[in-house]
Amino acid sequence: LEANGVDVKLFQVEETLSDEVLTKMQAPAKPDIPVITSQQLTEPDGIILGIPTRFGIFPAQMKAFLDSTGKLWASGSLSGKFVGTFFATASQHGGQETTALNAVTYFAHLGMMYVPFGFANKAMFDLTEVVGGSAYGAGTITNGDGSRQPSEKELAIAKQQGETFAKIVMTYDNGKNKLSAAEASKDSDNLLSVGTTTAAAGAGAAVAASQASTHGDPATSSTHTDVNVPVAGAATNTSTTANTSDTINKDNVGTTSSQPTASQDIAAAQSGQPTPSQDIAAAQSSQPTDAPATSQQPGAGPSEKPKKKKKKFLFCCGNPDDLD
């Protein structure tokens, strides 16, 4: 594990038997390594449990330790962590696989991701000598008194399992870090995009407000007295005039709509006809602003005689006697 860049810490589970009982059992001395607590399982990215067997299942010490993870199960603190297993039995068929299968139930309930070893090492196919281990993880055969030590093949299997487990955990961890960085960058880009869009919307609102002030309805716009400047209703590009207002020749400003200019009003007044501006003023003085204005072209009478309505009408031209 350490050869693959993994920071490894070694622990042992707490002993449940008294020293007196252990002496009578001729149990070997405990190694000088720290005793782990269930809360410490939340710290690493991956955990490999070395489990001895008692009649094909856990010994009491390991089961007591795993049973103490109830609080972590309730909080989901171990969910998503990787876990592997390796074993030791006194006999060649002492229950290494059944112990692994019992362990899987704990891992499933805790939400942990179990990583089996498979038959990744060719020594596992060797039938010329006793070799511990299975698809669930490395293993060794110790004899009842613990006199047999792990063979070279068993150690090779264990080493390969550690390397494989380390690569899987590191690959996942690196991918998770890159995904987190990509999501953080995406969130940053989204914030920048929202800020830019908001600024653009604000600018658009300012332009729209400016256009609304210059494109007012002729019935509600102020009267222009300068005959050379277009009256309300003439098309005006706010963004263009804002940049070129100092260079525009007012004498050459043309109208792009059908609304009459002040010059046209004067020409109409000289001919004795009512001017459009006068019509507009008359409409404003005789009709509320929320009433719809209607117009009738000269000589274009209605196809059917409308019913009499007790309602006033405004018109810009024609004979008042034509209206009922």
C-alpha atoms as a PDB file:
ATOM      1  CA  LEU A   1       0.000   0.000   0.000  1.00  0.00           C
ATOM      2  CA  GLU A   2       2.695   2.489   0.977  1.00  0.00           C
ATOM      3  CA  ALA A   3       4.649   1.671  -2.193  1.00  0.00           C
ATOM      4  CA  ASN A   4       1.674   3.003  -4.166  1.00  0.00           C
ATOM      5  CA  GLY A   5       1.564   6.304  -2.318  1.00  0.00           C
ATOM      6  CA  VAL A   6      -1.025   5.341   0.303  1.00  0.00           C
ATOM      7  CA  ASP A   7      -0.688   6.505   3.889  1.00  0.00           C
ATOM      8  CA  VAL A   8      -1.205   3.344   5.939  1.00  0.00           C
ATOM      9  CA  LYS A   9      -1.993   3.019   9.648  1.00  0.00           C
ATOM     10  CA  LEU A  10      -2.068  -0.340  11.401  1.00  0.00           C
ATOM     11  CA  PHE A  11      -4.474  -1.088  14.256  1.00  0.00           C
ATOM     12  CA  GLN A  12      -5.786  -4.026  16.282  1.00  0.00           C
ATOM     13  CA  VAL A  13      -9.271  -4.502  17.703  1.00  0.00           C
ATOM     14  CA  GLU A  14      -9.852  -4.543  21.421  1.00  0.00           C
ATOM     15  CA  GLU A  15      -9.403  -7.834  23.263  1.00  0.00           C
ATOM     16  CA  THR A  16     -12.510  -9.095  25.048  1.00  0.00           C
ATOM     17  CA  LEU A  17     -10.910 -11.906  27.069  1.00  0.00           C
ATOM     18  CA  SER A  18      -9.079 -11.441  30.345  1.00  0.00           C
ATOM     19  CA  ASP A  19      -5.334 -11.985  30.694  1.00  0.00           C
ATOM     20  CA  GLU A  20      -6.009 -15.082  32.820  1.00  0.00           C
ATOM     21  CA  VAL A  21      -8.058 -16.708  30.080  1.00  0.00           C
ATOM     22  CA  LEU A  22      -5.528 -15.779  27.410  1.00  0.00           C
ATOM     23  CA  THR A  23      -2.750 -17.362  29.454  1.00  0.00           C
ATOM     24  CA  LYS A  24      -4.663 -20.606  29.809  1.00  0.00           C
ATOM     25  CA  MET A  25      -5.310 -20.578  26.067  1.00  0.00           C
ATOM     26  CA  GLN A  26      -1.581 -20.103  25.472  1.00  0.00           C
ATOM     27  CA  ALA A  27      -2.437 -17.150  23.260  1.00  0.00           C
ATOM     28  CA  PRO A  28       0.550 -15.281  21.806  1.00  0.00           C
ATOM     29  CA  ALA A  29       1.461 -11.856  23.135  1.00  0.00           C
ATOM     30  CA  LYS A  30      -0.327  -8.887  21.626  1.00  0.00           C
ATOM     31  CA  PRO A  31       1.646  -6.746  19.144  1.00  0.00           C
ATOM     32  CA  ASP A  32       2.580  -3.252  20.188  1.00  0.00           C
ATOM     33  CA  ILE A  33       0.151  -1.382  17.922  1.00  0.00           C
ATOM     34  CA  PRO A  34      -2.734   0.935  18.851  1.00  0.00           C
ATOM     35  CA  VAL A  35      -6.257  -0.332  19.464  1.00  0.00           C
ATOM     36  CA  ILE A  36      -8.796   1.111  17.048  1.00  0.00           C
ATOM     37  CA  THR A  37     -12.191   2.560  17.946  1.00  0.00           C
ATOM     38  CA  SER A  38     -15.224   2.384  15.683  1.00  0.00           C
ATOM     39  CA  GLN A  39     -15.220   6.176  15.270  1.00  0.00           C
ATOM     40  CA  GLN A  40     -11.765   6.015  13.672  1.00  0.00           C
ATOM     41  CA  LEU A  41     -13.234   4.079  10.756  1.00  0.00           C
ATOM     42  CA  THR A  42     -14.597   7.390   9.435  1.00  0.00           C
ATOM     43  CA  GLU A  43     -11.116   8.792   8.808  1.00  0.00           C
ATOM     44  CA  PRO A  44      -9.584   6.680   5.981  1.00  0.00           C
ATOM     45  CA  ASP A  45     -10.770   6.301   2.388  1.00  0.00           C
ATOM     46  CA  GLY A  46     -10.311   2.523   2.496  1.00  0.00           C
ATOM     47  CA  ILE A  47     -10.127  -0.213   5.129  1.00  0.00           C
ATOM     48  CA  ILE A  48      -8.753  -3.768   4.944  1.00  0.00           C
ATOM     49  CA  LEU A  49      -9.844  -6.069   7.743  1.00  0.00           C
ATOM     50  CA  GLY A  50      -7.699  -9.068   8.711  1.00  0.00           C
ATOM     51  CA  ILE A  51     -10.081 -11.577  10.266  1.00  0.00           C
ATOM     52  CA  PRO A  52      -9.233 -14.860  12.001  1.00  0.00           C
ATOM     53  CA  THR A  53     -11.997 -17.447  12.067  1.00  0.00           C
ATOM     54  CA  ARG A  54     -13.943 -19.376  14.666  1.00  0.00           C
ATOM     55  CA  PHE A  55     -15.917 -22.214  13.131  1.00  0.00           C
ATOM     56  CA  GLY A  56     -16.333 -20.399   9.835  1.00  0.00           C
ATOM     57  CA  ILE A  57     -17.372 -17.012  11.270  1.00  0.00           C
ATOM     58  CA  PHE A  58     -15.833 -14.086  13.145  1.00  0.00           C
ATOM     59  CA  PRO A  59     -14.157 -14.426  16.489  1.00  0.00           C
ATOM     60  CA  ALA A  60     -15.966 -12.622  19.309  1.00  0.00           C
ATOM     61  CA  GLN A  61     -13.495  -9.732  19.334  1.00  0.00           C
ATOM     62  CA  MET A  62     -14.045  -8.796  15.664  1.00  0.00           C
ATOM     63  CA  LYS A  63     -17.803  -9.224  15.905  1.00  0.00           C
ATOM     64  CA  ALA A  64     -17.946  -6.998  18.995  1.00  0.00           C
ATOM     65  CA  PHE A  65     -15.984  -4.349  17.120  1.00  0.00           C
ATOM     66  CA  LEU A  66     -18.258  -4.456  14.053  1.00  0.00           C
ATOM     67  CA  ASP A  67     -21.352  -4.507  16.264  1.00  0.00           C
ATOM     68  CA  SER A  68     -20.163  -1.220  17.796  1.00  0.00           C
ATOM     69  CA  THR A  69     -20.603   0.591  14.446  1.00  0.00           C
ATOM     70  CA  GLY A  70     -24.355   1.060  14.944  1.00  0.00           C
ATOM     71  CA  LYS A  71     -24.001   4.823  15.392  1.00  0.00           C
ATOM     72  CA  LEU A  72     -21.976   5.069  12.177  1.00  0.00           C
ATOM     73  CA  TRP A  73     -24.631   3.020  10.371  1.00  0.00           C
ATOM     74  CA  ALA A  74     -27.363   5.374  11.601  1.00  0.00           C
ATOM     75  CA  SER A  75     -25.465   8.455  10.405  1.00  0.00           C
ATOM     76  CA  GLY A  76     -24.204   6.894   7.143  1.00  0.00           C
ATOM     77  CA  SER A  77     -20.640   7.826   8.077  1.00  0.00           C
ATOM     78  CA  LEU A  78     -19.100   4.770   6.389  1.00  0.00           C
ATOM     79  CA  SER A  79     -21.189   4.901   3.252  1.00  0.00           C
ATOM     80  CA  GLY A  80     -19.049   4.977   0.107  1.00  0.00           C
ATOM     81  CA  LYS A  81     -15.836   3.824   1.774  1.00  0.00           C
ATOM     82  CA  PHE A  82     -13.868   0.943   0.253  1.00  0.00           C
ATOM     83  CA  VAL A  83     -13.263  -2.203   2.281  1.00  0.00           C
ATOM     84  CA  GLY A  84     -11.371  -5.446   1.694  1.00  0.00           C
ATOM     85  CA  THR A  85     -10.633  -8.582   3.715  1.00  0.00           C
ATOM     86  CA  PHE A  86      -7.899 -11.153   4.377  1.00  0.00           C
ATOM     87  CA  PHE A  87      -7.957 -14.160   6.686  1.00  0.00           C
ATOM     88  CA  ALA A  88      -6.121 -16.685   8.813  1.00  0.00           C
ATOM     89  CA  THR A  89      -7.311 -20.158   9.737  1.00  0.00           C
ATOM     90  CA  ALA A  90      -5.795 -23.068  11.609  1.00  0.00           C
ATOM     91  CA  SER A  91      -6.699 -25.596   8.923  1.00  0.00           C
ATOM     92  CA  GLN A  92      -6.772 -25.650   5.162  1.00  0.00           C
ATOM     93  CA  HIS A  93     -10.567 -25.592   5.045  1.00  0.00           C
ATOM     94  CA  GLY A  94     -11.138 -23.616   8.216  1.00  0.00           C
ATOM     95  CA  GLY A  95     -13.813 -21.263   6.856  1.00  0.00           C
ATOM     96  CA  GLN A  96     -12.017 -18.399   5.105  1.00  0.00           C
ATOM     97  CA  GLU A  97     -14.741 -18.019   2.476  1.00  0.00           C
ATOM     98  CA  THR A  98     -17.676 -18.317   4.887  1.00  0.00           C
ATOM     99  CA  THR A  99     -16.085 -15.713   7.148  1.00  0.00           C
ATOM    100  CA  ALA A 100     -15.842 -13.380   4.164  1.00  0.00           C
ATOM    101  CA  LEU A 101     -19.488 -13.957   3.270  1.00  0.00           C
ATOM    102  CA  ASN A 102     -20.541 -13.104   6.830  1.00  0.00           C
ATOM    103  CA  ALA A 103     -18.467  -9.935   6.695  1.00  0.00           C
ATOM    104  CA  VAL A 104     -20.179  -8.806   3.497  1.00  0.00           C
ATOM    105  CA  THR A 105     -23.487  -8.447   5.338  1.00  0.00           C
ATOM    106  CA  TYR A 106     -21.925  -5.818   7.605  1.00  0.00           C
ATOM    107  CA  PHE A 107     -20.445  -3.969   4.650  1.00  0.00           C
ATOM    108  CA  ALA A 108     -23.748  -3.954   2.811  1.00  0.00           C
ATOM    109  CA  HIS A 109     -25.657  -2.527   5.771  1.00  0.00           C
ATOM    110  CA  LEU A 110     -22.988   0.124   6.352  1.00  0.00           C
ATOM    111  CA  GLY A 111     -23.035   1.126   2.661  1.00  0.00           C
ATOM    112  CA  MET A 112     -19.385   0.254   2.149  1.00  0.00           C
ATOM    113  CA  MET A 113     -17.963  -0.837  -1.227  1.00  0.00           C
ATOM    114  CA  TYR A 114     -16.477  -4.308  -0.907  1.00  0.00           C
ATOM    115  CA  VAL A 115     -13.430  -4.993  -3.094  1.00  0.00           C
ATOM    116  CA  PRO A 116     -12.780  -8.725  -3.644  1.00  0.00           C
ATOM    117  CA  PHE A 117      -9.448  -9.946  -4.950  1.00  0.00           C
ATOM    118  CA  GLY A 118     -10.571 -12.618  -7.364  1.00  0.00           C
ATOM    119  CA  PHE A 119      -8.054 -15.130  -8.685  1.00  0.00           C
ATOM    120  CA  ALA A 120      -5.659 -12.414  -9.775  1.00  0.00           C
ATOM    121  CA  ASN A 121      -2.522 -14.309  -8.721  1.00  0.00           C
ATOM    122  CA  LYS A 122      -1.528 -17.509 -10.500  1.00  0.00           C
ATOM    123  CA  ALA A 123      -0.299 -19.025  -7.221  1.00  0.00           C
ATOM    124  CA  MET A 124      -3.942 -19.457  -6.258  1.00  0.00           C
ATOM    125  CA  PHE A 125      -4.164 -22.180  -8.921  1.00  0.00           C
ATOM    126  CA  ASP A 126      -1.185 -24.090  -7.501  1.00  0.00           C
ATOM    127  CA  LEU A 127      -2.212 -27.506  -6.166  1.00  0.00           C
ATOM    128  CA  THR A 128       1.261 -28.754  -5.288  1.00  0.00           C
ATOM    129  CA  GLU A 129       1.271 -27.173  -1.832  1.00  0.00           C
ATOM    130  CA  VAL A 130      -1.031 -25.620   0.741  1.00  0.00           C
ATOM    131  CA  VAL A 131      -1.859 -22.028  -0.225  1.00  0.00           C
ATOM    132  CA  GLY A 132      -4.224 -19.824   1.756  1.00  0.00           C
ATOM    133  CA  GLY A 133      -6.464 -17.193   0.225  1.00  0.00           C
ATOM    134  CA  SER A 134      -9.485 -17.129  -2.027  1.00  0.00           C
ATOM    135  CA  ALA A 135     -11.418 -14.827  -4.338  1.00  0.00           C
ATOM    136  CA  TYR A 136     -12.416 -12.814  -1.259  1.00  0.00           C
ATOM    137  CA  GLY A 137      -8.856 -11.970  -0.246  1.00  0.00           C
ATOM    138  CA  ALA A 138      -5.455 -13.226   0.798  1.00  0.00           C
ATOM    139  CA  GLY A 139      -5.123 -15.812   3.581  1.00  0.00           C
ATOM    140  CA  THR A 140      -2.771 -18.052   5.445  1.00  0.00           C
ATOM    141  CA  ILE A 141      -2.880 -21.415   7.213  1.00  0.00           C
ATOM    142  CA  THR A 142      -1.380 -21.243  10.730  1.00  0.00           C
ATOM    143  CA  ASN A 143      -1.907 -24.691  12.342  1.00  0.00           C
ATOM    144  CA  GLY A 144      -3.724 -24.900  15.650  1.00  0.00           C
ATOM    145  CA  ASP A 145      -0.768 -23.656  17.677  1.00  0.00           C
ATOM    146  CA  GLY A 146       0.199 -20.885  15.228  1.00  0.00           C
ATOM    147  CA  SER A 147       3.457 -22.603  14.328  1.00  0.00           C
ATOM    148  CA  ARG A 148       3.077 -22.214  10.559  1.00  0.00           C
ATOM    149  CA  GLN A 149       4.071 -18.840   9.159  1.00  0.00           C
ATOM    150  CA  PRO A 150       2.813 -17.376   5.833  1.00  0.00           C
ATOM    151  CA  SER A 151       4.543 -18.885   2.803  1.00  0.00           C
ATOM    152  CA  GLU A 152       6.186 -16.882   0.035  1.00  0.00           C
ATOM    153  CA  LYS A 153       3.204 -17.513  -2.243  1.00  0.00           C
ATOM    154  CA  GLU A 154       0.758 -16.372   0.408  1.00  0.00           C
ATOM    155  CA  LEU A 155       2.820 -13.240   0.983  1.00  0.00           C
ATOM    156  CA  ALA A 156       2.893 -12.560  -2.784  1.00  0.00           C
ATOM    157  CA  ILE A 157      -0.888 -12.870  -2.941  1.00  0.00           C
ATOM    158  CA  ALA A 158      -1.257 -10.486   0.012  1.00  0.00           C
ATOM    159  CA  LYS A 159       1.121  -7.964  -1.574  1.00  0.00           C
ATOM    160  CA  GLN A 160      -0.757  -8.014  -4.868  1.00  0.00           C
ATOM    161  CA  GLN A 161      -4.069  -7.578  -3.084  1.00  0.00           C
ATOM    162  CA  GLY A 162      -2.711  -4.530  -1.261  1.00  0.00           C
ATOM    163  CA  GLU A 163      -1.446  -2.978  -4.504  1.00  0.00           C
ATOM    164  CA  THR A 164      -4.744  -3.608  -6.296  1.00  0.00           C
ATOM    165  CA  PHE A 165      -6.770  -2.192  -3.428  1.00  0.00           C
ATOM    166  CA  ALA A 166      -4.561   0.907  -3.260  1.00  0.00           C
ATOM    167  CA  LYS A 167      -4.908   1.587  -6.996  1.00  0.00           C
ATOM    168  CA  ILE A 168      -8.685   1.294  -6.847  1.00  0.00           C
ATOM    169  CA  VAL A 169      -8.973   3.660  -3.885  1.00  0.00           C
ATOM    170  CA  MET A 170      -6.525   6.168  -5.371  1.00  0.00           C
ATOM    171  CA  THR A 171      -8.211   6.105  -8.778  1.00  0.00           C
ATOM    172  CA  TYR A 172     -11.572   6.791  -7.181  1.00  0.00           C
ATOM    173  CA  ASP A 173     -10.168   9.500  -4.930  1.00  0.00           C
ATOM    174  CA  ASN A 174      -8.368  11.263  -7.805  1.00  0.00           C
ATOM    175  CA  GLY A 175     -11.482  11.125  -9.959  1.00  0.00           C
ATOM    176  CA  LYS A 176     -13.609  12.497  -7.131  1.00  0.00           C
ATOM    177  CA  ASN A 177     -11.194  15.387  -6.626  1.00  0.00           C
ATOM    178  CA  LYS A 178     -11.192  16.227 -10.343  1.00  0.00           C
ATOM    179  CA  LEU A 179     -14.987  16.090 -10.430  1.00  0.00           C
ATOM    180  CA  SER A 180     -15.213  18.389  -7.425  1.00  0.00           C
ATOM    181  CA  ALA A 181     -12.799  20.826  -9.074  1.00  0.00           C
ATOM    182  CA  ALA A 182     -14.783  20.738 -12.319  1.00  0.00           C
ATOM    183  CA  GLU A 183     -18.045  21.380 -10.469  1.00  0.00           C
ATOM    184  CA  ALA A 184     -16.464  24.262  -8.574  1.00  0.00           C
ATOM    185  CA  SER A 185     -15.211  25.742 -11.850  1.00  0.00           C
ATOM    186  CA  LYS A 186     -18.651  25.291 -13.413  1.00  0.00           C
ATOM    187  CA  ASP A 187     -20.304  27.014 -10.465  1.00  0.00           C
ATOM    188  CA  SER A 188     -17.826  29.882 -10.838  1.00  0.00           C
ATOM    189  CA  ASP A 189     -18.609  30.167 -14.561  1.00  0.00           C
ATOM    190  CA  ASN A 190     -22.332  30.141 -13.814  1.00  0.00           C
ATOM    191  CA  LEU A 191     -21.908  32.957 -11.300  1.00  0.00           C
ATOM    192  CA  LEU A 192     -19.946  34.962 -13.880  1.00  0.00           C
ATOM    193  CA  SER A 193     -22.587  34.268 -16.528  1.00  0.00           C
ATOM    194  CA  VAL A 194     -25.400  35.330 -14.224  1.00  0.00           C
ATOM    195  CA  GLY A 195     -23.554  38.519 -13.353  1.00  0.00           C
ATOM    196  CA  THR A 196     -22.969  39.324 -17.034  1.00  0.00           C
ATOM    197  CA  THR A 197     -26.573  38.551 -17.945  1.00  0.00           C
ATOM    198  CA  THR A 198     -27.858  40.728 -15.121  1.00  0.00           C
ATOM    199  CA  ALA A 199     -25.657  43.599 -16.231  1.00  0.00           C
ATOM    200  CA  ALA A 200     -26.823  43.208 -19.816  1.00  0.00           C
ATOM    201  CA  ALA A 201     -30.436  43.112 -18.693  1.00  0.00           C
ATOM    202  CA  GLY A 202     -29.873  46.292 -16.711  1.00  0.00           C
ATOM    203  CA  ALA A 203     -28.377  47.995 -19.740  1.00  0.00           C
ATOM    204  CA  GLY A 204     -31.285  46.804 -21.862  1.00  0.00           C
ATOM    205  CA  ALA A 205     -33.755  48.186 -19.360  1.00  0.00           C
ATOM    206  CA  ALA A 206     -31.991  51.552 -19.463  1.00  0.00           C
ATOM    207  CA  VAL A 207     -32.172  51.641 -23.256  1.00  0.00           C
ATOM    208  CA  ALA A 208     -35.825  50.587 -23.178  1.00  0.00           C
ATOM    209  CA  ALA A 209     -36.619  53.327 -20.678  1.00  0.00           C
ATOM    210  CA  SER A 210     -34.827  55.883 -22.834  1.00  0.00           C
ATOM    211  CA  GLN A 211     -36.682  54.713 -25.923  1.00  0.00           C
ATOM    212  CA  ALA A 212     -39.985  54.889 -24.074  1.00  0.00           C
ATOM    213  CA  SER A 213     -39.289  58.524 -23.193  1.00  0.00           C
ATOM    214  CA  THR A 214     -38.515  59.469 -26.799  1.00  0.00           C
ATOM    215  CA  HIS A 215     -41.128  57.308 -28.550  1.00  0.00           C
ATOM    216  CA  GLY A 216     -44.147  58.604 -26.665  1.00  0.00           C
ATOM    217  CA  ASP A 217     -47.706  58.480 -28.009  1.00  0.00           C
ATOM    218  CA  PRO A 218     -48.492  61.687 -29.971  1.00  0.00           C
ATOM    219  CA  ALA A 219     -51.616  62.115 -27.866  1.00  0.00           C
ATOM    220  CA  THR A 220     -49.572  62.412 -24.683  1.00  0.00           C
ATOM    221  CA  SER A 221     -46.272  63.915 -25.920  1.00  0.00           C
ATOM    222  CA  SER A 222     -45.281  67.536 -25.420  1.00  0.00           C
ATOM    223  CA  THR A 223     -45.584  69.904 -28.394  1.00  0.00           C
ATOM    224  CA  HIS A 224     -42.394  70.743 -30.292  1.00  0.00           C
ATOM    225  CA  THR A 225     -42.038  74.291 -31.576  1.00  0.00           C
ATOM    226  CA  ASP A 226     -38.807  73.872 -33.502  1.00  0.00           C
ATOM    227  CA  VAL A 227     -39.946  73.098 -37.049  1.00  0.00           C
ATOM    228  CA  ASN A 228     -36.642  71.460 -37.913  1.00  0.00           C
ATOM    229  CA  VAL A 229     -36.775  68.777 -35.158  1.00  0.00           C
ATOM    230  CA  PRO A 230     -38.931  65.652 -35.596  1.00  0.00           C
ATOM    231  CA  VAL A 231     -41.961  65.581 -33.342  1.00  0.00           C
ATOM    232  CA  ALA A 232     -42.888  62.637 -31.125  1.00  0.00           C
ATOM    233  CA  GLY A 233     -43.471  59.577 -33.240  1.00  0.00           C
ATOM    234  CA  ALA A 234     -40.351  59.966 -35.360  1.00  0.00           C
ATOM    235  CA  ALA A 235     -38.150  56.871 -35.081  1.00  0.00           C
ATOM    236  CA  THR A 236     -35.189  57.456 -32.787  1.00  0.00           C
ATOM    237  CA  ASN A 237     -32.387  55.026 -32.010  1.00  0.00           C
ATOM    238  CA  THR A 238     -31.327  55.873 -28.473  1.00  0.00           C
ATOM    239  CA  SER A 239     -28.032  54.057 -28.569  1.00  0.00           C
ATOM    240  CA  THR A 240     -27.040  55.761 -31.857  1.00  0.00           C
ATOM    241  CA  THR A 241     -28.120  59.266 -30.960  1.00  0.00           C
ATOM    242  CA  ALA A 242     -26.374  58.956 -27.610  1.00  0.00           C
ATOM    243  CA  ASN A 243     -23.067  58.522 -29.390  1.00  0.00           C
ATOM    244  CA  THR A 244     -23.575  60.913 -32.300  1.00  0.00           C
ATOM    245  CA  SER A 245     -25.878  63.607 -30.919  1.00  0.00           C
ATOM    246  CA  ASP A 246     -23.166  66.255 -31.226  1.00  0.00           C
ATOM    247  CA  THR A 247     -22.639  65.602 -34.940  1.00  0.00           C
ATOM    248  CA  ILE A 248     -26.196  65.251 -36.236  1.00  0.00           C
ATOM    249  CA  ASN A 249     -27.416  68.090 -38.416  1.00  0.00           C
ATOM    250  CA  LYS A 250     -30.889  68.789 -37.111  1.00  0.00           C
ATOM    251  CA  ASP A 251     -31.906  70.326 -40.454  1.00  0.00           C
ATOM    252  CA  ASN A 252     -31.347  66.935 -42.121  1.00  0.00           C
ATOM    253  CA  VAL A 253     -33.125  64.735 -39.572  1.00  0.00           C
ATOM    254  CA  GLY A 254     -35.870  62.850 -41.351  1.00  0.00           C
ATOM    255  CA  THR A 255     -38.869  60.989 -40.080  1.00  0.00           C
ATOM    256  CA  THR A 256     -39.260  57.263 -40.478  1.00  0.00           C
ATOM    257  CA  SER A 257     -42.872  56.974 -39.420  1.00  0.00           C
ATOM    258  CA  SER A 258     -46.185  58.177 -40.753  1.00  0.00           C
ATOM    259  CA  GLN A 259     -46.655  60.755 -37.977  1.00  0.00           C
ATOM    260  CA  PRO A 260     -46.794  64.388 -39.239  1.00  0.00           C
ATOM    261  CA  THR A 261     -43.965  66.780 -38.554  1.00  0.00           C
ATOM    262  CA  ALA A 262     -44.317  70.325 -37.290  1.00  0.00           C
ATOM    263  CA  SER A 263     -43.590  71.563 -40.841  1.00  0.00           C
ATOM    264  CA  GLN A 264     -46.517  69.537 -42.131  1.00  0.00           C
ATOM    265  CA  ASP A 265     -48.733  71.068 -39.438  1.00  0.00           C
ATOM    266  CA  ILE A 266     -47.798  74.576 -40.597  1.00  0.00           C
ATOM    267  CA  ALA A 267     -48.433  73.709 -44.242  1.00  0.00           C
ATOM    268  CA  ALA A 268     -51.833  72.313 -43.384  1.00  0.00           C
ATOM    269  CA  ALA A 269     -52.701  75.418 -41.370  1.00  0.00           C
ATOM    270  CA  GLN A 270     -51.870  77.681 -44.320  1.00  0.00           C
ATOM    271  CA  SER A 271     -54.260  75.724 -46.528  1.00  0.00           C
ATOM    272  CA  GLY A 272     -57.139  76.291 -44.122  1.00  0.00           C
ATOM    273  CA  GLN A 273     -57.428  72.632 -43.112  1.00  0.00           C
ATOM    274  CA  PRO A 274     -57.246  71.573 -39.480  1.00  0.00           C
ATOM    275  CA  THR A 275     -53.768  70.373 -38.612  1.00  0.00           C
ATOM    276  CA  PRO A 276     -53.085  66.967 -37.114  1.00  0.00           C
ATOM    277  CA  SER A 277     -51.655  68.679 -34.060  1.00  0.00           C
ATOM    278  CA  GLN A 278     -54.895  70.627 -33.651  1.00  0.00           C
ATOM    279  CA  ASP A 279     -56.848  67.404 -33.987  1.00  0.00           C
ATOM    280  CA  ILE A 280     -54.726  65.824 -31.309  1.00  0.00           C
ATOM    281  CA  ALA A 281     -55.155  68.799 -29.005  1.00  0.00           C
ATOM    282  CA  ALA A 282     -58.931  68.670 -29.565  1.00  0.00           C
ATOM    283  CA  ALA A 283     -58.941  65.005 -28.747  1.00  0.00           C
ATOM    284  CA  GLN A 284     -57.013  65.615 -25.557  1.00  0.00           C
ATOM    285  CA  SER A 285     -59.307  68.407 -24.414  1.00  0.00           C
ATOM    286  CA  SER A 286     -62.615  66.632 -25.112  1.00  0.00           C
ATOM    287  CA  GLN A 287     -61.970  62.956 -24.273  1.00  0.00           C
ATOM    288  CA  PRO A 288     -60.514  61.142 -21.211  1.00  0.00           C
ATOM    289  CA  THR A 289     -57.123  59.648 -21.775  1.00  0.00           C
ATOM    290  CA  ASP A 290     -58.351  56.097 -21.280  1.00  0.00           C
ATOM    291  CA  ALA A 291     -61.027  56.303 -24.023  1.00  0.00           C
ATOM    292  CA  PRO A 292     -60.032  54.776 -27.374  1.00  0.00           C
ATOM    293  CA  ALA A 293     -59.644  57.232 -30.202  1.00  0.00           C
ATOM    294  CA  THR A 294     -61.085  56.405 -33.632  1.00  0.00           C
ATOM    295  CA  SER A 295     -60.556  57.973 -36.981  1.00  0.00           C
ATOM    296  CA  GLN A 296     -62.620  58.054 -40.162  1.00  0.00           C
ATOM    297  CA  GLN A 297     -61.259  58.762 -43.579  1.00  0.00           C
ATOM    298  CA  PRO A 298     -63.084  61.394 -45.670  1.00  0.00           C
ATOM    299  CA  GLY A 299     -65.727  59.933 -47.944  1.00  0.00           C
ATOM    300  CA  ALA A 300     -65.459  56.450 -46.470  1.00  0.00           C
ATOM    301  CA  GLY A 301     -68.874  55.930 -44.892  1.00  0.00           C
ATOM    302  CA  PRO A 302     -69.868  52.842 -42.918  1.00  0.00           C
ATOM    303  CA  SER A 303     -71.215  49.841 -44.849  1.00  0.00           C
ATOM    304  CA  GLU A 304     -74.117  49.578 -42.409  1.00  0.00           C
ATOM    305  CA  LYS A 305     -75.784  52.265 -40.432  1.00  0.00           C
ATOM    306  CA  PRO A 306     -74.516  51.782 -36.867  1.00  0.00           C
ATOM    307  CA  LYS A 307     -76.952  51.675 -34.053  1.00  0.00           C
ATOM    308  CA  LYS A 308     -77.341  54.838 -32.113  1.00  0.00           C
ATOM    309  CA  LYS A 309     -75.090  54.937 -29.125  1.00  0.00           C
ATOM    310  CA  LYS A 310     -75.146  57.502 -26.419  1.00  0.00           C
ATOM    311  CA  LYS A 311     -71.459  57.946 -26.662  1.00  0.00           C
ATOM    312  CA  LYS A 312     -69.183  60.635 -28.043  1.00  0.00           C
ATOM    313  CA  PHE A 313     -66.761  59.998 -30.891  1.00  0.00           C
ATOM    314  CA  LEU A 314     -63.638  61.808 -31.900  1.00  0.00           C
ATOM    315  CA  PHE A 315     -62.650  62.297 -35.512  1.00  0.00           C
ATOM    316  CA  CYS A 316     -59.847  64.038 -37.269  1.00  0.00           C
ATOM    317  CA  CYS A 317     -61.592  65.055 -40.477  1.00  0.00           C
ATOM    318  CA  GLY A 318     -64.947  65.022 -42.279  1.00  0.00           C
ATOM    319  CA  ASN A 319     -68.295  66.559 -41.473  1.00  0.00           C
ATOM    320  CA  PRO A 320     -69.614  66.327 -37.896  1.00  0.00           C
ATOM    321  CA  ASP A 321     -73.132  65.860 -39.299  1.00  0.00           C
ATOM    322  CA  ASP A 322     -72.108  62.462 -40.662  1.00  0.00           C
ATOM    323  CA  LEU A 323     -72.056  61.071 -37.140  1.00  0.00           C
ATOM    324  CA  ASP A 324     -75.278  60.072 -35.405  1.00  0.00           C
END
